[in-house]
Amino acid sequence: MQSAGAIDWSNTTATEGDLIERCAAGDSEAFQEFVDGHQQMAYHLALQLLGIHDDALDLSQDVFLTVFRSLHRFRGDSTLQTWSYRIVINQARHKQRW
């Protein structure tokens, strides 16, 4: 497994790269910063896809858990927001199937 610091994040800004490294290192303030910056996007997209407030809230919380658990796999091929957006879509589709 490659450490977050060894990844070349060519599509990320210096600030985003720093945030990713801090999150990957377990910095709880960095996690909160990420959530604060992306929670509205996650919730509104989930609500648009699912149409139910409670389901959208649950899904958006699950998305952040997924992001934090899999951050070590983030390759930087896109921005962190784009990657998170894709996770919301994938989890909403999965929820709709079940």
N, C-alpha and C. Protein backbone atom coordinates (compact mmCIF):
# COMPACT_ATOMS: atom_id res chain seq x y z
N MET A 1 0.84 -1.16 0.00
CA MET A 1 0.00 0.00 0.00
C MET A 1 0.89 1.23 0.00
N GLN A 2 0.53 2.20 -0.81
CA GLN A 2 1.29 3.42 -0.93
C GLN A 2 0.81 4.44 0.09
N SER A 3 1.72 5.14 0.72
CA SER A 3 1.30 6.15 1.69
C SER A 3 0.79 7.38 0.96
N ALA A 4 -0.07 8.15 1.62
CA ALA A 4 -0.67 9.33 1.00
C ALA A 4 0.40 10.31 0.55
N GLY A 5 1.50 10.43 1.29
CA GLY A 5 2.54 11.37 0.94
C GLY A 5 3.29 11.01 -0.33
N ALA A 6 3.25 9.75 -0.76
CA ALA A 6 4.00 9.32 -1.93
C ALA A 6 3.22 9.47 -3.23
N ILE A 7 1.99 9.88 -3.14
CA ILE A 7 1.15 9.98 -4.33
C ILE A 7 1.35 11.33 -4.99
N ASP A 8 1.41 11.34 -6.32
CA ASP A 8 1.50 12.59 -7.08
C ASP A 8 0.10 13.03 -7.42
N TRP A 9 -0.40 14.01 -6.69
CA TRP A 9 -1.75 14.51 -6.90
C TRP A 9 -1.72 15.63 -7.91
N SER A 10 -1.54 15.31 -9.17
CA SER A 10 -1.38 16.33 -10.21
C SER A 10 -2.66 17.13 -10.46
N ASN A 11 -3.81 16.56 -10.17
CA ASN A 11 -5.07 17.27 -10.40
C ASN A 11 -5.60 17.97 -9.16
N THR A 12 -4.84 17.97 -8.09
CA THR A 12 -5.30 18.61 -6.87
C THR A 12 -4.51 19.89 -6.62
N THR A 13 -5.11 20.78 -5.88
CA THR A 13 -4.40 22.00 -5.49
C THR A 13 -3.49 21.69 -4.32
N ALA A 14 -2.57 22.59 -4.04
CA ALA A 14 -1.67 22.39 -2.90
C ALA A 14 -2.47 22.30 -1.61
N THR A 15 -3.50 23.12 -1.49
CA THR A 15 -4.34 23.10 -0.29
C THR A 15 -5.06 21.76 -0.16
N GLU A 16 -5.59 21.26 -1.27
CA GLU A 16 -6.29 19.98 -1.23
C GLU A 16 -5.32 18.85 -0.93
N GLY A 17 -4.15 18.89 -1.52
CA GLY A 17 -3.14 17.87 -1.24
C GLY A 17 -2.77 17.85 0.23
N ASP A 18 -2.65 19.03 0.82
CA ASP A 18 -2.36 19.13 2.25
C ASP A 18 -3.50 18.54 3.07
N LEU A 19 -4.74 18.86 2.69
CA LEU A 19 -5.91 18.33 3.40
C LEU A 19 -5.94 16.81 3.32
N ILE A 20 -5.66 16.26 2.17
CA ILE A 20 -5.64 14.81 1.99
C ILE A 20 -4.58 14.17 2.88
N GLU A 21 -3.40 14.75 2.88
CA GLU A 21 -2.33 14.20 3.71
C GLU A 21 -2.69 14.25 5.19
N ARG A 22 -3.29 15.35 5.61
CA ARG A 22 -3.68 15.49 7.02
C ARG A 22 -4.78 14.48 7.37
N CYS A 23 -5.74 14.30 6.47
CA CYS A 23 -6.81 13.31 6.72
C CYS A 23 -6.22 11.91 6.79
N ALA A 24 -5.34 11.60 5.85
CA ALA A 24 -4.74 10.27 5.81
C ALA A 24 -3.90 10.00 7.05
N ALA A 25 -3.38 11.06 7.66
CA ALA A 25 -2.58 10.92 8.88
C ALA A 25 -3.44 10.84 10.13
N GLY A 26 -4.77 10.96 9.96
CA GLY A 26 -5.67 10.83 11.10
C GLY A 26 -5.98 12.14 11.81
N ASP A 27 -5.73 13.26 11.16
CA ASP A 27 -5.99 14.58 11.76
C ASP A 27 -7.49 14.85 11.79
N SER A 28 -8.07 14.86 13.00
CA SER A 28 -9.51 15.04 13.12
C SER A 28 -9.97 16.43 12.66
N GLU A 29 -9.13 17.43 12.81
CA GLU A 29 -9.49 18.77 12.32
C GLU A 29 -9.57 18.78 10.80
N ALA A 30 -8.70 18.04 10.15
CA ALA A 30 -8.73 17.94 8.70
C ALA A 30 -10.00 17.22 8.24
N PHE A 31 -10.38 16.16 8.96
CA PHE A 31 -11.63 15.47 8.64
C PHE A 31 -12.81 16.42 8.73
N GLN A 32 -12.84 17.22 9.80
CA GLN A 32 -13.93 18.17 9.97
C GLN A 32 -13.93 19.22 8.87
N GLU A 33 -12.76 19.66 8.48
CA GLU A 33 -12.64 20.64 7.38
C GLU A 33 -13.18 20.05 6.08
N PHE A 34 -12.84 18.79 5.83
CA PHE A 34 -13.34 18.13 4.63
C PHE A 34 -14.86 18.01 4.67
N VAL A 35 -15.39 17.55 5.80
CA VAL A 35 -16.85 17.41 5.94
C VAL A 35 -17.53 18.75 5.76
N ASP A 36 -17.02 19.78 6.43
CA ASP A 36 -17.61 21.12 6.32
C ASP A 36 -17.65 21.61 4.88
N GLY A 37 -16.62 21.27 4.13
CA GLY A 37 -16.54 21.74 2.75
C GLY A 37 -17.35 20.94 1.75
N HIS A 38 -17.78 19.72 2.13
CA HIS A 38 -18.43 18.84 1.16
C HIS A 38 -19.80 18.31 1.60
N GLN A 39 -20.21 18.59 2.82
CA GLN A 39 -21.44 17.97 3.31
C GLN A 39 -22.69 18.44 2.57
N GLN A 40 -22.76 19.71 2.22
CA GLN A 40 -23.94 20.18 1.49
C GLN A 40 -24.04 19.51 0.12
N MET A 41 -22.90 19.39 -0.58
CA MET A 41 -22.90 18.74 -1.88
C MET A 41 -23.38 17.30 -1.74
N ALA A 42 -22.85 16.58 -0.76
CA ALA A 42 -23.21 15.18 -0.58
C ALA A 42 -24.69 15.03 -0.26
N TYR A 43 -25.18 15.84 0.65
CA TYR A 43 -26.59 15.74 1.04
C TYR A 43 -27.51 16.11 -0.14
N HIS A 44 -27.25 17.23 -0.80
CA HIS A 44 -28.14 17.68 -1.88
C HIS A 44 -28.14 16.70 -3.06
N LEU A 45 -26.98 16.16 -3.37
CA LEU A 45 -26.93 15.17 -4.44
C LEU A 45 -27.69 13.91 -4.04
N ALA A 46 -27.48 13.46 -2.82
CA ALA A 46 -28.20 12.27 -2.34
C ALA A 46 -29.71 12.52 -2.32
N LEU A 47 -30.12 13.69 -1.91
CA LEU A 47 -31.54 14.02 -1.90
C LEU A 47 -32.11 14.04 -3.31
N GLN A 48 -31.35 14.60 -4.23
CA GLN A 48 -31.80 14.63 -5.63
C GLN A 48 -31.94 13.21 -6.19
N LEU A 49 -31.02 12.34 -5.83
CA LEU A 49 -31.03 10.98 -6.36
C LEU A 49 -32.06 10.08 -5.66
N LEU A 50 -32.24 10.27 -4.35
CA LEU A 50 -33.11 9.39 -3.58
C LEU A 50 -34.50 9.96 -3.33
N GLY A 51 -34.58 11.28 -3.20
CA GLY A 51 -35.86 11.94 -3.02
C GLY A 51 -36.44 11.89 -1.61
N ILE A 52 -35.72 11.32 -0.67
CA ILE A 52 -36.21 11.19 0.71
C ILE A 52 -35.17 11.78 1.66
N HIS A 53 -35.60 12.75 2.45
CA HIS A 53 -34.70 13.49 3.34
C HIS A 53 -33.89 12.56 4.24
N ASP A 54 -34.54 11.66 4.95
CA ASP A 54 -33.84 10.79 5.90
C ASP A 54 -32.84 9.87 5.19
N ASP A 55 -33.23 9.34 4.04
CA ASP A 55 -32.31 8.50 3.27
C ASP A 55 -31.09 9.29 2.80
N ALA A 56 -31.33 10.54 2.40
CA ALA A 56 -30.23 11.39 1.94
C ALA A 56 -29.27 11.71 3.09
N LEU A 57 -29.80 11.97 4.27
CA LEU A 57 -28.95 12.21 5.44
C LEU A 57 -28.10 10.98 5.77
N ASP A 58 -28.75 9.83 5.80
CA ASP A 58 -28.02 8.58 6.10
C ASP A 58 -26.94 8.33 5.06
N LEU A 59 -27.29 8.50 3.80
CA LEU A 59 -26.33 8.22 2.74
C LEU A 59 -25.16 9.20 2.80
N SER A 60 -25.43 10.47 3.05
CA SER A 60 -24.33 11.44 3.08
C SER A 60 -23.38 11.14 4.24
N GLN A 61 -23.90 10.67 5.36
CA GLN A 61 -23.02 10.26 6.46
C GLN A 61 -22.20 9.04 6.08
N ASP A 62 -22.84 8.09 5.42
CA ASP A 62 -22.12 6.89 4.97
C ASP A 62 -21.02 7.23 3.98
N VAL A 63 -21.27 8.23 3.15
CA VAL A 63 -20.28 8.64 2.16
C VAL A 63 -19.00 9.11 2.86
N PHE A 64 -19.15 9.91 3.91
CA PHE A 64 -17.96 10.41 4.60
C PHE A 64 -17.20 9.28 5.29
N LEU A 65 -17.92 8.30 5.82
CA LEU A 65 -17.23 7.14 6.38
C LEU A 65 -16.45 6.40 5.30
N THR A 66 -17.08 6.23 4.14
CA THR A 66 -16.42 5.56 3.03
C THR A 66 -15.19 6.33 2.57
N VAL A 67 -15.32 7.64 2.45
CA VAL A 67 -14.18 8.47 2.03
C VAL A 67 -13.03 8.29 3.01
N PHE A 68 -13.29 8.40 4.29
CA PHE A 68 -12.22 8.32 5.27
C PHE A 68 -11.60 6.93 5.33
N ARG A 69 -12.41 5.91 5.15
CA ARG A 69 -11.88 4.55 5.18
C ARG A 69 -11.08 4.20 3.94
N SER A 70 -11.37 4.87 2.83
CA SER A 70 -10.68 4.53 1.58
C SER A 70 -9.79 5.64 1.07
N LEU A 71 -9.51 6.62 1.88
CA LEU A 71 -8.68 7.75 1.46
C LEU A 71 -7.29 7.30 1.00
N HIS A 72 -6.79 6.24 1.58
CA HIS A 72 -5.48 5.73 1.19
C HIS A 72 -5.47 5.23 -0.26
N ARG A 73 -6.65 5.00 -0.83
CA ARG A 73 -6.73 4.55 -2.23
C ARG A 73 -6.94 5.70 -3.20
N PHE A 74 -7.13 6.91 -2.68
CA PHE A 74 -7.32 8.07 -3.55
C PHE A 74 -6.03 8.33 -4.31
N ARG A 75 -6.10 8.26 -5.65
CA ARG A 75 -4.91 8.39 -6.49
C ARG A 75 -4.66 9.81 -6.97
N GLY A 76 -5.65 10.67 -6.84
CA GLY A 76 -5.47 12.04 -7.29
C GLY A 76 -5.75 12.22 -8.77
N ASP A 77 -6.41 11.25 -9.40
CA ASP A 77 -6.76 11.38 -10.82
C ASP A 77 -7.84 12.43 -11.02
N SER A 78 -8.49 12.82 -9.95
CA SER A 78 -9.52 13.84 -9.98
C SER A 78 -9.38 14.65 -8.69
N THR A 79 -10.23 15.64 -8.53
CA THR A 79 -10.21 16.36 -7.26
C THR A 79 -10.90 15.50 -6.21
N LEU A 80 -10.66 15.84 -4.98
CA LEU A 80 -11.29 15.11 -3.88
C LEU A 80 -12.80 15.29 -3.93
N GLN A 81 -13.26 16.46 -4.36
CA GLN A 81 -14.70 16.69 -4.47
C GLN A 81 -15.31 15.80 -5.55
N THR A 82 -14.65 15.67 -6.68
CA THR A 82 -15.16 14.82 -7.75
C THR A 82 -15.20 13.36 -7.30
N TRP A 83 -14.18 12.93 -6.62
CA TRP A 83 -14.13 11.56 -6.11
C TRP A 83 -15.27 11.33 -5.13
N SER A 84 -15.50 12.28 -4.22
CA SER A 84 -16.59 12.18 -3.24
C SER A 84 -17.95 12.17 -3.93
N TYR A 85 -18.10 13.01 -4.94
CA TYR A 85 -19.33 13.10 -5.73
C TYR A 85 -19.65 11.73 -6.33
N ARG A 86 -18.63 11.08 -6.87
CA ARG A 86 -18.81 9.77 -7.48
C ARG A 86 -19.22 8.73 -6.44
N ILE A 87 -18.67 8.82 -5.24
CA ILE A 87 -19.04 7.90 -4.17
C ILE A 87 -20.51 8.08 -3.81
N VAL A 88 -20.98 9.33 -3.75
CA VAL A 88 -22.40 9.59 -3.47
C VAL A 88 -23.26 8.91 -4.53
N ILE A 89 -22.92 9.09 -5.78
CA ILE A 89 -23.70 8.51 -6.87
C ILE A 89 -23.71 6.98 -6.78
N ASN A 90 -22.54 6.40 -6.57
CA ASN A 90 -22.46 4.94 -6.49
C ASN A 90 -23.26 4.38 -5.31
N GLN A 91 -23.16 5.03 -4.16
CA GLN A 91 -23.89 4.54 -3.00
C GLN A 91 -25.40 4.74 -3.15
N ALA A 92 -25.80 5.83 -3.80
CA ALA A 92 -27.24 6.06 -4.04
C ALA A 92 -27.78 5.00 -4.99
N ARG A 93 -27.04 4.69 -6.02
CA ARG A 93 -27.48 3.64 -6.95
C ARG A 93 -27.59 2.29 -6.25
N HIS A 94 -26.61 2.02 -5.41
CA HIS A 94 -26.62 0.77 -4.66
C HIS A 94 -27.85 0.71 -3.74
N LYS A 95 -28.14 1.81 -3.07
CA LYS A 95 -29.29 1.87 -2.17
C LYS A 95 -30.60 1.70 -2.95
N GLN A 96 -30.67 2.29 -4.13
CA GLN A 96 -31.88 2.17 -4.94
C GLN A 96 -32.11 0.73 -5.42
N ARG A 97 -31.04 0.00 -5.66
CA ARG A 97 -31.17 -1.39 -6.09
C ARG A 97 -31.71 -2.26 -4.97
N TRP A 98 -31.37 -1.93 -3.74
CA TRP A 98 -31.78 -2.75 -2.61
C TRP A 98 -33.02 -2.19 -1.99
